[in-house]
């Protein structure tokens, strides 16, 4: 090889190293952004779980109060009204808990886009190295 070929090869290797470095930095920024987005999702899910828990606690109190009143007065409409309110609050609580738990599932929080991009980048680098 002559010096010009060595110089070209050196330039190519330096360019490749610089491009790989830039790629790794870009992927790191993408990973940080995706993780930040997933933390926000997890927080929203936690708020829904907390809201569901509060609703279920309120439902339990209302249902217990309705049951006591229903058992003591047998059939007065105030008791059944309290019972109906308790059931509605319980259903709301269950819905909030389920949606909150689904938002916090590990499959929802995995950095999927970054993983896919890293696979594509690895394939491009392998192709360039050949």
C-alpha atoms as a PDB file:
ATOM      1  CA  UNK A   1       0.000   0.000   0.000  1.00  0.00           C
ATOM      2  CA  UNK A   2       1.199   3.494  -0.655  1.00  0.00           C
ATOM      3  CA  UNK A   3       0.993   6.384   1.780  1.00  0.00           C
ATOM      4  CA  UNK A   4      -2.119   7.759   0.106  1.00  0.00           C
ATOM      5  CA  UNK A   5      -3.982   4.463   0.758  1.00  0.00           C
ATOM      6  CA  UNK A   6      -2.805   4.482   4.373  1.00  0.00           C
ATOM      7  CA  UNK A   7      -3.960   8.052   4.738  1.00  0.00           C
ATOM      8  CA  UNK A   8      -7.371   7.221   3.242  1.00  0.00           C
ATOM      9  CA  UNK A   9      -7.709   4.175   5.480  1.00  0.00           C
ATOM     10  CA  UNK A  10      -6.731   6.258   8.497  1.00  0.00           C
ATOM     11  CA  UNK A  11      -9.280   8.905   7.553  1.00  0.00           C
ATOM     12  CA  UNK A  12     -11.980   6.260   7.126  1.00  0.00           C
ATOM     13  CA  UNK A  13     -11.194   4.704  10.504  1.00  0.00           C
ATOM     14  CA  UNK A  14     -11.217   8.122  12.181  1.00  0.00           C
ATOM     15  CA  UNK A  15     -14.531   8.998  10.510  1.00  0.00           C
ATOM     16  CA  UNK A  16     -16.014   5.668  11.570  1.00  0.00           C
ATOM     17  CA  UNK A  17     -14.888   6.186  15.171  1.00  0.00           C
ATOM     18  CA  UNK A  18     -16.359   9.694  15.204  1.00  0.00           C
ATOM     19  CA  UNK A  19     -19.658   8.501  13.706  1.00  0.00           C
ATOM     20  CA  UNK A  20     -19.925   5.606  16.184  1.00  0.00           C
ATOM     21  CA  UNK A  21     -19.235   8.029  19.029  1.00  0.00           C
ATOM     22  CA  UNK A  22     -21.958  10.389  17.773  1.00  0.00           C
ATOM     23  CA  UNK A  23     -24.342   7.471  17.370  1.00  0.00           C
ATOM     24  CA  UNK A  24     -23.734   6.246  20.926  1.00  0.00           C
ATOM     25  CA  UNK A  25     -24.315   9.767  22.288  1.00  0.00           C
ATOM     26  CA  UNK A  26     -27.540  10.111  20.297  1.00  0.00           C
ATOM     27  CA  UNK A  27     -28.784   6.739  21.504  1.00  0.00           C
ATOM     28  CA  UNK A  28     -27.974   7.695  25.100  1.00  0.00           C
ATOM     29  CA  UNK A  29     -30.042  10.881  24.712  1.00  0.00           C
ATOM     30  CA  UNK A  30     -32.914   8.842  23.238  1.00  0.00           C
ATOM     31  CA  UNK A  31     -32.731   6.378  26.126  1.00  0.00           C
ATOM     32  CA  UNK A  32     -32.817   9.204  28.688  1.00  0.00           C
ATOM     33  CA  UNK A  33     -35.815  10.797  26.973  1.00  0.00           C
ATOM     34  CA  UNK A  34     -37.706   7.509  26.800  1.00  0.00           C
ATOM     35  CA  UNK A  35     -36.974   6.670  30.433  1.00  0.00           C
ATOM     36  CA  UNK A  36     -38.150  10.133  31.461  1.00  0.00           C
ATOM     37  CA  UNK A  37     -41.364   9.594  29.509  1.00  0.00           C
ATOM     38  CA  UNK A  38     -41.867   6.229  31.232  1.00  0.00           C
ATOM     39  CA  UNK A  39     -41.317   7.750  34.670  1.00  0.00           C
ATOM     40  CA  UNK A  40     -44.075  10.254  33.865  1.00  0.00           C
ATOM     41  CA  UNK A  41     -46.352   7.357  32.876  1.00  0.00           C
ATOM     42  CA  UNK A  42     -45.561   5.548  36.115  1.00  0.00           C
ATOM     43  CA  UNK A  43     -46.362   8.658  38.149  1.00  0.00           C
ATOM     44  CA  UNK A  44     -49.731   9.024  36.415  1.00  0.00           C
ATOM     45  CA  UNK A  45     -50.450   5.358  37.104  1.00  0.00           C
ATOM     46  CA  UNK A  46     -49.513   5.796  40.751  1.00  0.00           C
ATOM     47  CA  UNK A  47     -51.900   8.747  41.058  1.00  0.00           C
ATOM     48  CA  UNK A  48     -54.713   6.624  39.584  1.00  0.00           C
ATOM     49  CA  UNK A  49     -53.912   3.770  41.992  1.00  0.00           C
ATOM     50  CA  UNK A  50     -53.988   6.204  44.903  1.00  0.00           C
ATOM     51  CA  UNK A  51     -57.296   7.660  43.670  1.00  0.00           C
ATOM     52  CA  UNK A  52     -58.728   4.148  43.353  1.00  0.00           C
ATOM     53  CA  UNK A  53     -57.590   3.251  46.857  1.00  0.00           C
ATOM     54  CA  UNK A  54     -59.215   6.387  48.309  1.00  0.00           C
ATOM     55  CA  UNK A  55     -62.459   5.638  46.456  1.00  0.00           C
ATOM     56  CA  UNK A  56     -62.459   2.048  47.691  1.00  0.00           C
ATOM     57  CA  UNK A  57     -61.923   3.199  51.259  1.00  0.00           C
ATOM     58  CA  UNK A  58     -64.795   5.660  50.953  1.00  0.00           C
ATOM     59  CA  UNK A  59     -66.915   2.897  49.404  1.00  0.00           C
ATOM     60  CA  UNK A  60     -66.167   0.585  52.272  1.00  0.00           C
ATOM     61  CA  UNK A  61     -67.218   3.212  54.790  1.00  0.00           C
ATOM     62  CA  UNK A  62     -70.437   4.005  52.922  1.00  0.00           C
ATOM     63  CA  UNK A  63     -71.262   0.335  52.360  1.00  0.00           C
ATOM     64  CA  UNK A  64     -70.691  -0.507  55.987  1.00  0.00           C
ATOM     65  CA  UNK A  65     -72.818   2.433  57.074  1.00  0.00           C
ATOM     66  CA  UNK A  66     -75.544   1.369  54.626  1.00  0.00           C
ATOM     67  CA  UNK A  67     -75.417  -2.201  55.856  1.00  0.00           C
ATOM     68  CA  UNK A  68     -75.778  -1.142  59.472  1.00  0.00           C
ATOM     69  CA  UNK A  69     -78.658   1.188  58.687  1.00  0.00           C
ATOM     70  CA  UNK A  70     -80.303  -1.424  56.435  1.00  0.00           C
ATOM     71  CA  UNK A  71     -80.092  -4.083  59.089  1.00  0.00           C
ATOM     72  CA  UNK A  72     -81.537  -1.839  61.790  1.00  0.00           C
ATOM     73  CA  UNK A  73     -84.345  -0.264  59.784  1.00  0.00           C
ATOM     74  CA  UNK A  74     -84.995  -2.960  57.160  1.00  0.00           C
ATOM     75  CA  UNK A  75     -86.128  -1.450  53.948  1.00  0.00           C
ATOM     76  CA  UNK A  76     -86.141   2.322  54.378  1.00  0.00           C
ATOM     77  CA  UNK A  77     -85.097   4.121  51.230  1.00  0.00           C
ATOM     78  CA  UNK A  78     -82.268   6.083  52.897  1.00  0.00           C
ATOM     79  CA  UNK A  79     -80.399   2.862  53.567  1.00  0.00           C
ATOM     80  CA  UNK A  80     -80.720   1.626  50.020  1.00  0.00           C
ATOM     81  CA  UNK A  81     -79.631   4.985  48.723  1.00  0.00           C
ATOM     82  CA  UNK A  82     -76.482   4.791  50.800  1.00  0.00           C
ATOM     83  CA  UNK A  83     -75.949   1.251  49.531  1.00  0.00           C
ATOM     84  CA  UNK A  84     -76.280   2.360  45.918  1.00  0.00           C
ATOM     85  CA  UNK A  85     -73.788   5.199  46.444  1.00  0.00           C
ATOM     86  CA  UNK A  86     -71.347   2.763  48.040  1.00  0.00           C
ATOM     87  CA  UNK A  87     -71.574   0.356  45.100  1.00  0.00           C
ATOM     88  CA  UNK A  88     -71.014   3.152  42.574  1.00  0.00           C
ATOM     89  CA  UNK A  89     -67.954   4.420  44.467  1.00  0.00           C
ATOM     90  CA  UNK A  90     -66.597   0.855  44.688  1.00  0.00           C
ATOM     91  CA  UNK A  91     -66.963   0.361  40.926  1.00  0.00           C
ATOM     92  CA  UNK A  92     -65.175   3.660  40.304  1.00  0.00           C
ATOM     93  CA  UNK A  93     -62.373   2.587  42.635  1.00  0.00           C
ATOM     94  CA  UNK A  94     -61.934  -0.735  40.860  1.00  0.00           C
ATOM     95  CA  UNK A  95     -61.774   0.988  37.468  1.00  0.00           C
ATOM     96  CA  UNK A  96     -59.130   3.455  38.711  1.00  0.00           C
ATOM     97  CA  UNK A  97     -57.051   0.692  40.288  1.00  0.00           C
ATOM     98  CA  UNK A  98     -57.116  -1.429  37.136  1.00  0.00           C
ATOM     99  CA  UNK A  99     -56.175   1.396  34.786  1.00  0.00           C
ATOM    100  CA  UNK A 100     -53.458   2.595  37.150  1.00  0.00           C
ATOM    101  CA  UNK A 101     -51.974  -0.873  37.519  1.00  0.00           C
ATOM    102  CA  UNK A 102     -52.044  -1.352  33.735  1.00  0.00           C
ATOM    103  CA  UNK A 103     -50.142   1.942  33.295  1.00  0.00           C
ATOM    104  CA  UNK A 104     -47.426   0.720  35.650  1.00  0.00           C
ATOM    105  CA  UNK A 105     -46.974  -2.725  34.047  1.00  0.00           C
ATOM    106  CA  UNK A 106     -43.318  -3.475  33.247  1.00  0.00           C
ATOM    107  CA  UNK A 107     -44.190  -4.044  29.594  1.00  0.00           C
ATOM    108  CA  UNK A 108     -45.490  -0.455  29.411  1.00  0.00           C
ATOM    109  CA  UNK A 109     -42.311   0.971  30.919  1.00  0.00           C
ATOM    110  CA  UNK A 110     -39.649  -0.834  28.844  1.00  0.00           C
ATOM    111  CA  UNK A 111     -37.630   1.429  26.508  1.00  0.00           C
ATOM    112  CA  UNK A 112     -38.862  -0.344  23.350  1.00  0.00           C
ATOM    113  CA  UNK A 113     -38.005   2.377  20.866  1.00  0.00           C
ATOM    114  CA  UNK A 114     -34.424   2.616  22.095  1.00  0.00           C
ATOM    115  CA  UNK A 115     -33.970  -1.160  21.939  1.00  0.00           C
ATOM    116  CA  UNK A 116     -35.230  -1.274  18.368  1.00  0.00           C
ATOM    117  CA  UNK A 117     -33.045   1.673  17.343  1.00  0.00           C
ATOM    118  CA  UNK A 118     -29.981   0.059  18.913  1.00  0.00           C
ATOM    119  CA  UNK A 119     -30.647  -3.142  16.932  1.00  0.00           C
ATOM    120  CA  UNK A 120     -30.937  -1.143  13.699  1.00  0.00           C
ATOM    121  CA  UNK A 121     -27.754   0.783  14.495  1.00  0.00           C
ATOM    122  CA  UNK A 122     -25.867  -2.431  15.260  1.00  0.00           C
ATOM    123  CA  UNK A 123     -26.938  -3.850  11.916  1.00  0.00           C
ATOM    124  CA  UNK A 124     -25.804  -0.681  10.107  1.00  0.00           C
ATOM    125  CA  UNK A 125     -22.436  -0.765  11.882  1.00  0.00           C
ATOM    126  CA  UNK A 126     -21.994  -4.453  11.002  1.00  0.00           C
ATOM    127  CA  UNK A 127     -22.824  -3.640   7.393  1.00  0.00           C
ATOM    128  CA  UNK A 128     -20.308  -0.771   7.322  1.00  0.00           C
ATOM    129  CA  UNK A 129     -17.597  -2.907   8.889  1.00  0.00           C
ATOM    130  CA  UNK A 130     -17.811  -5.477   6.085  1.00  0.00           C
END
